[in-house]
Amino acid sequence: MKTTRVFYEGRVQGVGFRWTTRRVAQGYDVSGLVRNLPDGRVELQLSGDPEEVRGFLSEIRESALAGHITAEHTDTLELATPHRGFLIVP
């Protein structure tokens, strides 16, 4: 299984982005993590069935977070997230 990695830009720190992302994750069969980066972006790593991952990412785009996102860059990591569940990394 591969991991989808997304970098979000905009006003994405200090607005509850990580906590909202974690709440959304509870509705999907995915594993992953979300963390703030020193450059002001937020990084999301997500593993799961491709349909679950697509649904999760779609819900993020349609959530209240959408107004804070100015850019989104996605790539794929060859390895799956090495844990179960969804973590907020400080």
N, C-alpha and C. Protein backbone atom coordinates (compact mmCIF):
# COMPACT_ATOMS: atom_id res chain seq x y z
N MET A 1 0.85 -1.19 0.00
CA MET A 1 0.00 0.00 0.00
C MET A 1 0.88 1.24 0.00
N LYS A 2 0.49 2.23 -0.73
CA LYS A 2 1.24 3.48 -0.83
C LYS A 2 0.64 4.53 0.08
N THR A 3 1.39 5.59 0.29
CA THR A 3 0.95 6.70 1.11
C THR A 3 0.83 7.94 0.24
N THR A 4 -0.30 8.61 0.34
CA THR A 4 -0.50 9.89 -0.33
C THR A 4 -0.03 10.97 0.62
N ARG A 5 0.80 11.86 0.11
CA ARG A 5 1.29 12.98 0.93
C ARG A 5 0.80 14.27 0.28
N VAL A 6 0.21 15.13 1.11
CA VAL A 6 -0.32 16.40 0.62
C VAL A 6 0.28 17.52 1.47
N PHE A 7 0.76 18.55 0.79
CA PHE A 7 1.21 19.76 1.46
C PHE A 7 0.19 20.85 1.18
N TYR A 8 -0.36 21.42 2.26
CA TYR A 8 -1.35 22.49 2.14
C TYR A 8 -0.67 23.82 2.45
N GLU A 9 -0.97 24.83 1.63
CA GLU A 9 -0.46 26.18 1.83
C GLU A 9 -1.63 27.12 2.06
N GLY A 10 -1.33 28.26 2.66
CA GLY A 10 -2.33 29.26 2.95
C GLY A 10 -2.31 29.58 4.43
N ARG A 11 -3.44 29.98 4.94
CA ARG A 11 -3.56 30.23 6.39
C ARG A 11 -4.02 28.92 7.02
N VAL A 12 -3.09 27.96 7.09
CA VAL A 12 -3.45 26.61 7.52
C VAL A 12 -2.91 26.25 8.90
N GLN A 13 -2.18 27.16 9.52
CA GLN A 13 -1.73 26.92 10.89
C GLN A 13 -2.45 27.89 11.82
N GLY A 14 -2.80 27.40 13.00
CA GLY A 14 -3.48 28.24 13.97
C GLY A 14 -4.97 28.39 13.73
N VAL A 15 -5.54 27.53 12.88
CA VAL A 15 -6.98 27.61 12.57
C VAL A 15 -7.69 26.29 12.85
N GLY A 16 -7.03 25.37 13.57
CA GLY A 16 -7.64 24.08 13.88
C GLY A 16 -7.53 23.08 12.74
N PHE A 17 -6.62 23.31 11.81
CA PHE A 17 -6.49 22.44 10.64
C PHE A 17 -6.19 21.00 11.04
N ARG A 18 -5.21 20.80 11.92
CA ARG A 18 -4.83 19.44 12.30
C ARG A 18 -5.97 18.73 13.02
N TRP A 19 -6.65 19.42 13.90
CA TRP A 19 -7.73 18.80 14.67
C TRP A 19 -8.93 18.48 13.78
N THR A 20 -9.24 19.36 12.85
CA THR A 20 -10.33 19.09 11.92
C THR A 20 -9.99 17.90 11.03
N THR A 21 -8.75 17.84 10.58
CA THR A 21 -8.30 16.73 9.74
C THR A 21 -8.44 15.41 10.50
N ARG A 22 -8.05 15.41 11.75
CA ARG A 22 -8.17 14.19 12.56
C ARG A 22 -9.64 13.79 12.74
N ARG A 23 -10.51 14.77 12.94
CA ARG A 23 -11.94 14.47 13.09
C ARG A 23 -12.49 13.86 11.80
N VAL A 24 -12.11 14.42 10.65
CA VAL A 24 -12.56 13.88 9.37
C VAL A 24 -12.06 12.45 9.20
N ALA A 25 -10.83 12.18 9.63
CA ALA A 25 -10.25 10.85 9.48
C ALA A 25 -11.05 9.78 10.21
N GLN A 26 -11.75 10.15 11.26
CA GLN A 26 -12.53 9.17 12.03
C GLN A 26 -13.65 8.56 11.20
N GLY A 27 -14.04 9.20 10.12
CA GLY A 27 -15.10 8.67 9.28
C GLY A 27 -14.60 7.79 8.13
N TYR A 28 -13.30 7.54 8.09
CA TYR A 28 -12.71 6.78 6.99
C TYR A 28 -11.78 5.70 7.53
N ASP A 29 -11.61 4.64 6.75
CA ASP A 29 -10.69 3.57 7.11
C ASP A 29 -9.31 3.91 6.54
N VAL A 30 -8.64 4.85 7.20
CA VAL A 30 -7.34 5.32 6.77
C VAL A 30 -6.40 5.40 7.98
N SER A 31 -5.12 5.41 7.70
CA SER A 31 -4.09 5.66 8.70
C SER A 31 -3.27 6.83 8.20
N GLY A 32 -2.74 7.60 9.12
CA GLY A 32 -1.92 8.70 8.67
C GLY A 32 -1.51 9.63 9.78
N LEU A 33 -1.02 10.78 9.35
CA LEU A 33 -0.60 11.80 10.30
C LEU A 33 -0.73 13.16 9.65
N VAL A 34 -0.80 14.17 10.49
CA VAL A 34 -0.85 15.55 10.03
C VAL A 34 0.07 16.35 10.94
N ARG A 35 0.82 17.28 10.34
CA ARG A 35 1.72 18.09 11.15
C ARG A 35 1.94 19.45 10.52
N ASN A 36 2.22 20.43 11.40
CA ASN A 36 2.61 21.76 10.95
C ASN A 36 4.08 21.72 10.56
N LEU A 37 4.43 22.45 9.53
CA LEU A 37 5.82 22.56 9.10
C LEU A 37 6.35 23.95 9.45
N PRO A 38 7.65 24.07 9.66
CA PRO A 38 8.23 25.37 10.04
C PRO A 38 8.00 26.48 9.02
N ASP A 39 7.78 26.12 7.76
CA ASP A 39 7.58 27.15 6.73
C ASP A 39 6.13 27.62 6.61
N GLY A 40 5.25 27.18 7.51
CA GLY A 40 3.86 27.63 7.52
C GLY A 40 2.88 26.70 6.82
N ARG A 41 3.38 25.68 6.14
CA ARG A 41 2.51 24.71 5.49
C ARG A 41 2.08 23.64 6.49
N VAL A 42 1.11 22.82 6.07
CA VAL A 42 0.70 21.64 6.82
C VAL A 42 0.94 20.43 5.92
N GLU A 43 1.54 19.38 6.49
CA GLU A 43 1.77 18.14 5.76
C GLU A 43 0.80 17.07 6.25
N LEU A 44 0.16 16.41 5.31
CA LEU A 44 -0.74 15.30 5.58
C LEU A 44 -0.19 14.06 4.90
N GLN A 45 -0.07 12.95 5.63
CA GLN A 45 0.30 11.66 5.05
C GLN A 45 -0.86 10.72 5.32
N LEU A 46 -1.28 9.97 4.29
CA LEU A 46 -2.51 9.20 4.37
C LEU A 46 -2.38 7.89 3.62
N SER A 47 -2.66 6.77 4.30
CA SER A 47 -2.65 5.44 3.68
C SER A 47 -4.02 4.81 3.85
N GLY A 48 -4.41 4.03 2.87
CA GLY A 48 -5.68 3.32 2.94
C GLY A 48 -6.11 2.92 1.55
N ASP A 49 -7.27 2.29 1.49
CA ASP A 49 -7.86 1.93 0.21
C ASP A 49 -7.99 3.21 -0.63
N PRO A 50 -7.66 3.16 -1.91
CA PRO A 50 -7.71 4.37 -2.73
C PRO A 50 -9.06 5.11 -2.69
N GLU A 51 -10.14 4.38 -2.62
CA GLU A 51 -11.47 5.01 -2.54
C GLU A 51 -11.64 5.77 -1.22
N GLU A 52 -11.15 5.19 -0.13
CA GLU A 52 -11.22 5.86 1.18
C GLU A 52 -10.36 7.12 1.18
N VAL A 53 -9.17 7.02 0.61
CA VAL A 53 -8.27 8.18 0.55
C VAL A 53 -8.90 9.29 -0.28
N ARG A 54 -9.46 8.96 -1.43
CA ARG A 54 -10.12 9.97 -2.27
C ARG A 54 -11.27 10.65 -1.53
N GLY A 55 -12.07 9.84 -0.84
CA GLY A 55 -13.19 10.40 -0.09
C GLY A 55 -12.73 11.32 1.02
N PHE A 56 -11.70 10.92 1.73
CA PHE A 56 -11.14 11.72 2.81
C PHE A 56 -10.66 13.07 2.27
N LEU A 57 -9.84 13.03 1.21
CA LEU A 57 -9.29 14.26 0.64
C LEU A 57 -10.40 15.16 0.08
N SER A 58 -11.42 14.57 -0.49
CA SER A 58 -12.55 15.34 -0.99
C SER A 58 -13.27 16.05 0.15
N GLU A 59 -13.44 15.35 1.26
CA GLU A 59 -14.11 15.97 2.41
C GLU A 59 -13.30 17.13 2.98
N ILE A 60 -11.97 16.99 2.99
CA ILE A 60 -11.13 18.11 3.45
C ILE A 60 -11.34 19.31 2.53
N ARG A 61 -11.37 19.08 1.22
CA ARG A 61 -11.55 20.17 0.25
C ARG A 61 -12.90 20.85 0.39
N GLU A 62 -13.91 20.13 0.88
CA GLU A 62 -15.26 20.68 1.01
C GLU A 62 -15.57 21.17 2.42
N SER A 63 -14.64 21.00 3.35
CA SER A 63 -14.87 21.38 4.74
C SER A 63 -14.64 22.88 4.94
N ALA A 64 -14.81 23.33 6.17
CA ALA A 64 -14.54 24.72 6.51
C ALA A 64 -13.07 25.08 6.29
N LEU A 65 -12.20 24.08 6.20
CA LEU A 65 -10.78 24.33 5.96
C LEU A 65 -10.52 24.88 4.57
N ALA A 66 -11.41 24.62 3.63
CA ALA A 66 -11.20 25.01 2.24
C ALA A 66 -10.90 26.51 2.10
N GLY A 67 -11.52 27.32 2.91
CA GLY A 67 -11.30 28.75 2.85
C GLY A 67 -9.91 29.18 3.29
N HIS A 68 -9.19 28.30 3.95
CA HIS A 68 -7.84 28.61 4.42
C HIS A 68 -6.76 28.10 3.47
N ILE A 69 -7.12 27.24 2.55
CA ILE A 69 -6.16 26.60 1.65
C ILE A 69 -6.02 27.43 0.37
N THR A 70 -4.79 27.84 0.06
CA THR A 70 -4.55 28.56 -1.19
C THR A 70 -3.86 27.68 -2.22
N ALA A 71 -3.20 26.62 -1.78
CA ALA A 71 -2.53 25.70 -2.71
C ALA A 71 -2.43 24.34 -2.04
N GLU A 72 -2.38 23.32 -2.88
CA GLU A 72 -2.32 21.93 -2.40
C GLU A 72 -1.41 21.17 -3.37
N HIS A 73 -0.38 20.52 -2.84
CA HIS A 73 0.57 19.77 -3.66
C HIS A 73 0.57 18.33 -3.17
N THR A 74 0.35 17.39 -4.08
CA THR A 74 0.21 15.98 -3.72
C THR A 74 1.29 15.16 -4.39
N ASP A 75 1.84 14.20 -3.64
CA ASP A 75 2.73 13.20 -4.23
C ASP A 75 2.48 11.87 -3.54
N THR A 76 3.18 10.85 -3.99
CA THR A 76 2.98 9.50 -3.46
C THR A 76 4.29 8.96 -2.91
N LEU A 77 4.21 8.39 -1.72
CA LEU A 77 5.35 7.70 -1.12
C LEU A 77 5.14 6.21 -1.35
N GLU A 78 6.19 5.48 -1.58
CA GLU A 78 6.08 4.06 -1.90
C GLU A 78 5.70 3.19 -0.71
N LEU A 79 5.93 3.66 0.50
CA LEU A 79 5.64 2.87 1.69
C LEU A 79 4.36 3.34 2.35
N ALA A 80 3.68 2.42 2.99
CA ALA A 80 2.48 2.76 3.74
C ALA A 80 2.86 3.42 5.05
N THR A 81 1.94 4.17 5.62
CA THR A 81 2.15 4.75 6.94
C THR A 81 2.42 3.61 7.91
N PRO A 82 3.48 3.70 8.71
CA PRO A 82 3.89 2.56 9.54
C PRO A 82 3.09 2.36 10.83
N HIS A 83 1.92 2.92 10.93
CA HIS A 83 1.10 2.76 12.14
C HIS A 83 -0.37 2.73 11.74
N ARG A 84 -1.21 2.30 12.65
CA ARG A 84 -2.65 2.32 12.46
C ARG A 84 -3.19 3.56 13.15
N GLY A 85 -4.28 4.07 12.63
CA GLY A 85 -4.90 5.24 13.24
C GLY A 85 -4.43 6.52 12.59
N PHE A 86 -4.82 7.62 13.18
CA PHE A 86 -4.49 8.93 12.64
C PHE A 86 -3.89 9.78 13.73
N LEU A 87 -2.70 10.30 13.52
CA LEU A 87 -1.95 11.04 14.55
C LEU A 87 -1.81 12.51 14.19
N ILE A 88 -1.82 13.33 15.21
CA ILE A 88 -1.42 14.72 15.08
C ILE A 88 0.00 14.78 15.62
N VAL A 89 0.93 15.19 14.77
CA VAL A 89 2.33 15.28 15.19
C VAL A 89 2.63 16.74 15.51
N PRO A 90 3.19 16.97 16.71
CA PRO A 90 3.50 18.35 17.08
C PRO A 90 4.60 18.96 16.22
